Amino acid sequence: CDSVSLCFSKGLGAPAGAVLAGRR
């Protein structure tokens, strides 16, 4: 993938938050 977004509040159970990874 060129970029990845991961939401922590879906299946992972955090109350909120996400990360984005990709090119600088």
PDB file of all heavy atoms in Angstrom:
ATOM      1  N   CYS A   1       0.827  -1.209   0.000  1.00  0.00           N
ATOM      2  CA  CYS A   1       0.000   0.000   0.000  1.00  0.00           C
ATOM      3  C   CYS A   1       0.860   1.258   0.000  1.00  0.00           C
ATOM      4  O   CYS A   1       1.962   1.272   0.543  1.00  0.00           O
ATOM      5  CB  CYS A   1      -0.892   0.023   1.239  1.00  0.00           C
ATOM      6  SG  CYS A   1      -1.936  -1.428   1.404  1.00  0.00           S
ATOM      7  N   ASP A   2       0.342   2.323  -0.582  1.00  0.00           N
ATOM      8  CA  ASP A   2       1.005   3.621  -0.523  1.00  0.00           C
ATOM      9  C   ASP A   2       0.779   4.287   0.820  1.00  0.00           C
ATOM     10  O   ASP A   2       1.621   5.038   1.301  1.00  0.00           O
ATOM     11  CB  ASP A   2       0.484   4.553  -1.622  1.00  0.00           C
ATOM     12  CG  ASP A   2       0.886   4.070  -3.006  1.00  0.00           C
ATOM     13  OD1 ASP A   2       1.952   3.444  -3.127  1.00  0.00           O
ATOM     14  OD2 ASP A   2       0.126   4.326  -3.953  1.00  0.00           O
ATOM     15  N   SER A   3      -0.398   4.028   1.404  1.00  0.00           N
ATOM     16  CA  SER A   3      -0.719   4.608   2.709  1.00  0.00           C
ATOM     17  C   SER A   3      -1.639   3.657   3.461  1.00  0.00           C
ATOM     18  O   SER A   3      -2.322   2.828   2.849  1.00  0.00           O
ATOM     19  CB  SER A   3      -1.388   5.973   2.561  1.00  0.00           C
ATOM     20  OG  SER A   3      -2.624   5.839   1.890  1.00  0.00           O
ATOM     21  N   VAL A   4      -1.630   3.780   4.763  1.00  0.00           N
ATOM     22  CA  VAL A   4      -2.470   2.944   5.615  1.00  0.00           C
ATOM     23  C   VAL A   4      -3.036   3.824   6.718  1.00  0.00           C
ATOM     24  O   VAL A   4      -2.320   4.595   7.337  1.00  0.00           O
ATOM     25  CB  VAL A   4      -1.659   1.784   6.246  1.00  0.00           C
ATOM     26  CG1 VAL A   4      -2.510   1.000   7.226  1.00  0.00           C
ATOM     27  CG2 VAL A   4      -1.113   0.862   5.182  1.00  0.00           C
ATOM     28  N   SER A   5      -4.326   3.684   6.943  1.00  0.00           N
ATOM     29  CA  SER A   5      -4.984   4.351   8.062  1.00  0.00           C
ATOM     30  C   SER A   5      -5.546   3.256   8.958  1.00  0.00           C
ATOM     31  O   SER A   5      -6.173   2.320   8.474  1.00  0.00           O
ATOM     32  CB  SER A   5      -6.112   5.248   7.551  1.00  0.00           C
ATOM     33  OG  SER A   5      -6.814   5.811   8.633  1.00  0.00           O
ATOM     34  N   LEU A   6      -5.300   3.376  10.237  1.00  0.00           N
ATOM     35  CA  LEU A   6      -5.751   2.372  11.186  1.00  0.00           C
ATOM     36  C   LEU A   6      -6.542   3.062  12.293  1.00  0.00           C
ATOM     37  O   LEU A   6      -6.026   3.949  12.968  1.00  0.00           O
ATOM     38  CB  LEU A   6      -4.553   1.621  11.774  1.00  0.00           C
ATOM     39  CG  LEU A   6      -4.856   0.537  12.794  1.00  0.00           C
ATOM     40  CD1 LEU A   6      -5.669  -0.589  12.173  1.00  0.00           C
ATOM     41  CD2 LEU A   6      -3.559  -0.005  13.372  1.00  0.00           C
ATOM     42  N   CYS A   7      -7.789   2.672  12.440  1.00  0.00           N
ATOM     43  CA  CYS A   7      -8.652   3.229  13.472  1.00  0.00           C
ATOM     44  C   CYS A   7      -8.568   2.345  14.707  1.00  0.00           C
ATOM     45  O   CYS A   7      -8.775   1.142  14.631  1.00  0.00           O
ATOM     46  CB  CYS A   7     -10.089   3.292  12.966  1.00  0.00           C
ATOM     47  SG  CYS A   7     -11.231   3.938  14.187  1.00  0.00           S
ATOM     48  N   PHE A   8      -8.287   2.951  15.854  1.00  0.00           N
ATOM     49  CA  PHE A   8      -8.148   2.192  17.092  1.00  0.00           C
ATOM     50  C   PHE A   8      -9.480   1.953  17.798  1.00  0.00           C
ATOM     51  O   PHE A   8      -9.562   1.130  18.696  1.00  0.00           O
ATOM     52  CB  PHE A   8      -7.207   2.914  18.053  1.00  0.00           C
ATOM     53  CG  PHE A   8      -5.812   3.014  17.541  1.00  0.00           C
ATOM     54  CD1 PHE A   8      -5.243   4.249  17.297  1.00  0.00           C
ATOM     55  CD2 PHE A   8      -5.067   1.885  17.276  1.00  0.00           C
ATOM     56  CE1 PHE A   8      -3.955   4.339  16.813  1.00  0.00           C
ATOM     57  CE2 PHE A   8      -3.776   1.968  16.788  1.00  0.00           C
ATOM     58  CZ  PHE A   8      -3.220   3.216  16.560  1.00  0.00           C
ATOM     59  N   SER A   9     -10.534   2.658  17.381  1.00  0.00           N
ATOM     60  CA  SER A   9     -11.808   2.526  18.087  1.00  0.00           C
ATOM     61  C   SER A   9     -12.739   1.503  17.472  1.00  0.00           C
ATOM     62  O   SER A   9     -13.807   1.262  17.994  1.00  0.00           O
ATOM     63  CB  SER A   9     -12.519   3.882  18.163  1.00  0.00           C
ATOM     64  OG  SER A   9     -12.889   4.317  16.877  1.00  0.00           O
ATOM     65  N   LYS A  10     -12.363   0.892  16.403  1.00  0.00           N
ATOM     66  CA  LYS A  10     -13.226  -0.131  15.804  1.00  0.00           C
ATOM     67  C   LYS A  10     -13.038  -1.430  16.572  1.00  0.00           C
ATOM     68  O   LYS A  10     -13.382  -1.522  17.726  1.00  0.00           O
ATOM     69  CB  LYS A  10     -12.889  -0.298  14.318  1.00  0.00           C
ATOM     70  CG  LYS A  10     -13.020   0.963  13.513  1.00  0.00           C
ATOM     71  CD  LYS A  10     -14.409   1.175  13.026  1.00  0.00           C
ATOM     72  CE  LYS A  10     -14.385   2.444  12.199  1.00  0.00           C
ATOM     73  NZ  LYS A  10     -15.518   2.831  11.576  1.00  0.00           N
ATOM     74  N   GLY A  11     -12.441  -2.421  15.986  1.00  0.00           N
ATOM     75  CA  GLY A  11     -12.281  -3.704  16.641  1.00  0.00           C
ATOM     76  C   GLY A  11     -11.274  -3.731  17.773  1.00  0.00           C
ATOM     77  O   GLY A  11     -11.256  -4.657  18.561  1.00  0.00           O
ATOM     78  N   LEU A  12     -10.427  -2.717  17.865  1.00  0.00           N
ATOM     79  CA  LEU A  12      -9.375  -2.736  18.873  1.00  0.00           C
ATOM     80  C   LEU A  12      -9.828  -2.213  20.229  1.00  0.00           C
ATOM     81  O   LEU A  12      -9.125  -2.368  21.216  1.00  0.00           O
ATOM     82  CB  LEU A  12      -8.153  -1.962  18.377  1.00  0.00           C
ATOM     83  CG  LEU A  12      -7.527  -2.509  17.098  1.00  0.00           C
ATOM     84  CD1 LEU A  12      -6.305  -1.693  16.708  1.00  0.00           C
ATOM     85  CD2 LEU A  12      -7.169  -3.972  17.240  1.00  0.00           C
ATOM     86  N   GLY A  13     -10.960  -1.555  20.284  1.00  0.00           N
ATOM     87  CA  GLY A  13     -11.567  -1.206  21.565  1.00  0.00           C
ATOM     88  C   GLY A  13     -11.112   0.072  22.219  1.00  0.00           C
ATOM     89  O   GLY A  13     -11.506   0.351  23.349  1.00  0.00           O
ATOM     90  N   ALA A  14     -10.291   0.870  21.591  1.00  0.00           N
ATOM     91  CA  ALA A  14      -9.915   2.153  22.187  1.00  0.00           C
ATOM     92  C   ALA A  14     -11.088   3.122  22.057  1.00  0.00           C
ATOM     93  O   ALA A  14     -11.914   2.985  21.157  1.00  0.00           O
ATOM     94  CB  ALA A  14      -8.678   2.721  21.487  1.00  0.00           C
ATOM     95  N   PRO A  15     -11.189   4.099  22.951  1.00  0.00           N
ATOM     96  CA  PRO A  15     -12.320   5.033  22.868  1.00  0.00           C
ATOM     97  C   PRO A  15     -12.255   5.958  21.656  1.00  0.00           C
ATOM     98  O   PRO A  15     -13.275   6.452  21.199  1.00  0.00           O
ATOM     99  CB  PRO A  15     -12.220   5.834  24.166  1.00  0.00           C
ATOM    100  CG  PRO A  15     -10.810   5.680  24.617  1.00  0.00           C
ATOM    101  CD  PRO A  15     -10.347   4.348  24.110  1.00  0.00           C
ATOM    102  N   ALA A  16     -11.063   6.198  21.124  1.00  0.00           N
ATOM    103  CA  ALA A  16     -10.895   7.090  19.975  1.00  0.00           C
ATOM    104  C   ALA A  16      -9.483   6.917  19.454  1.00  0.00           C
ATOM    105  O   ALA A  16      -8.645   6.289  20.097  1.00  0.00           O
ATOM    106  CB  ALA A  16     -11.135   8.547  20.375  1.00  0.00           C
ATOM    107  N   GLY A  17      -9.231   7.486  18.293  1.00  0.00           N
ATOM    108  CA  GLY A  17      -7.871   7.532  17.779  1.00  0.00           C
ATOM    109  C   GLY A  17      -7.666   6.746  16.513  1.00  0.00           C
ATOM    110  O   GLY A  17      -8.346   5.763  16.248  1.00  0.00           O
ATOM    111  N   ALA A  18      -6.719   7.234  15.739  1.00  0.00           N
ATOM    112  CA  ALA A  18      -6.342   6.590  14.491  1.00  0.00           C
ATOM    113  C   ALA A  18      -4.923   7.028  14.146  1.00  0.00           C
ATOM    114  O   ALA A  18      -4.432   8.029  14.664  1.00  0.00           O
ATOM    115  CB  ALA A  18      -7.304   6.978  13.369  1.00  0.00           C
ATOM    116  N   VAL A  19      -4.293   6.279  13.287  1.00  0.00           N
ATOM    117  CA  VAL A  19      -2.978   6.650  12.784  1.00  0.00           C
ATOM    118  C   VAL A  19      -2.993   6.589  11.267  1.00  0.00           C
ATOM    119  O   VAL A  19      -3.793   5.863  10.670  1.00  0.00           O
ATOM    120  CB  VAL A  19      -1.848   5.733  13.317  1.00  0.00           C
ATOM    121  CG1 VAL A  19      -1.647   5.946  14.797  1.00  0.00           C
ATOM    122  CG2 VAL A  19      -2.110   4.283  13.021  1.00  0.00           C
ATOM    123  N   LEU A  20      -2.106   7.370  10.681  1.00  0.00           N
ATOM    124  CA  LEU A  20      -1.929   7.381   9.241  1.00  0.00           C
ATOM    125  C   LEU A  20      -0.454   7.133   8.975  1.00  0.00           C
ATOM    126  O   LEU A  20       0.408   7.776   9.567  1.00  0.00           O
ATOM    127  CB  LEU A  20      -2.349   8.731   8.652  1.00  0.00           C
ATOM    128  CG  LEU A  20      -2.079   8.941   7.168  1.00  0.00           C
ATOM    129  CD1 LEU A  20      -2.959   8.018   6.330  1.00  0.00           C
ATOM    130  CD2 LEU A  20      -2.316  10.395   6.784  1.00  0.00           C
ATOM    131  N   ALA A  21      -0.166   6.201   8.093  1.00  0.00           N
ATOM    132  CA  ALA A  21       1.215   5.933   7.710  1.00  0.00           C
ATOM    133  C   ALA A  21       1.312   6.004   6.197  1.00  0.00           C
ATOM    134  O   ALA A  21       0.391   5.616   5.482  1.00  0.00           O
ATOM    135  CB  ALA A  21       1.634   4.547   8.190  1.00  0.00           C
ATOM    136  N   GLY A  22       2.411   6.544   5.737  1.00  0.00           N
ATOM    137  CA  GLY A  22       2.634   6.660   4.305  1.00  0.00           C
ATOM    138  C   GLY A  22       3.886   7.455   4.037  1.00  0.00           C
ATOM    139  O   GLY A  22       4.713   7.662   4.942  1.00  0.00           O
ATOM    140  N   ARG A  23       4.009   7.926   2.806  1.00  0.00           N
ATOM    141  CA  ARG A  23       5.159   8.753   2.444  1.00  0.00           C
ATOM    142  C   ARG A  23       5.202   9.994   3.323  1.00  0.00           C
ATOM    143  O   ARG A  23       4.171  10.516   3.738  1.00  0.00           O
ATOM    144  CB  ARG A  23       5.073   9.174   0.973  1.00  0.00           C
ATOM    145  CG  ARG A  23       5.211   8.038  -0.019  1.00  0.00           C
ATOM    146  CD  ARG A  23       5.164   8.532  -1.480  1.00  0.00           C
ATOM    147  NE  ARG A  23       4.437   9.772  -1.695  1.00  0.00           N
ATOM    148  CZ  ARG A  23       3.116   9.879  -1.863  1.00  0.00           C
ATOM    149  NH1 ARG A  23       2.366   8.799  -1.829  1.00  0.00           N
ATOM    150  NH2 ARG A  23       2.558  11.057  -2.061  1.00  0.00           N
ATOM    151  N   ARG A  24       6.397  10.465   3.574  1.00  0.00           N
ATOM    152  CA  ARG A  24       6.597  11.644   4.428  1.00  0.00           C
ATOM    153  C   ARG A  24       5.747  12.823   3.953  1.00  0.00           C
ATOM    154  O   ARG A  24       5.144  13.528   4.753  1.00  0.00           O
ATOM    155  CB  ARG A  24       8.088  12.003   4.445  1.00  0.00           C
ATOM    156  CG  ARG A  24       8.462  13.107   5.389  1.00  0.00           C
ATOM    157  CD  ARG A  24       9.953  13.386   5.398  1.00  0.00           C
ATOM    158  NE  ARG A  24      10.778  12.190   5.450  1.00  0.00           N
ATOM    159  CZ  ARG A  24      11.209  11.614   6.576  1.00  0.00           C
ATOM    160  NH1 ARG A  24      10.898  12.135   7.732  1.00  0.00           N
ATOM    161  NH2 ARG A  24      11.951  10.529   6.517  1.00  0.00           N
TER     162      ARG A  24
END
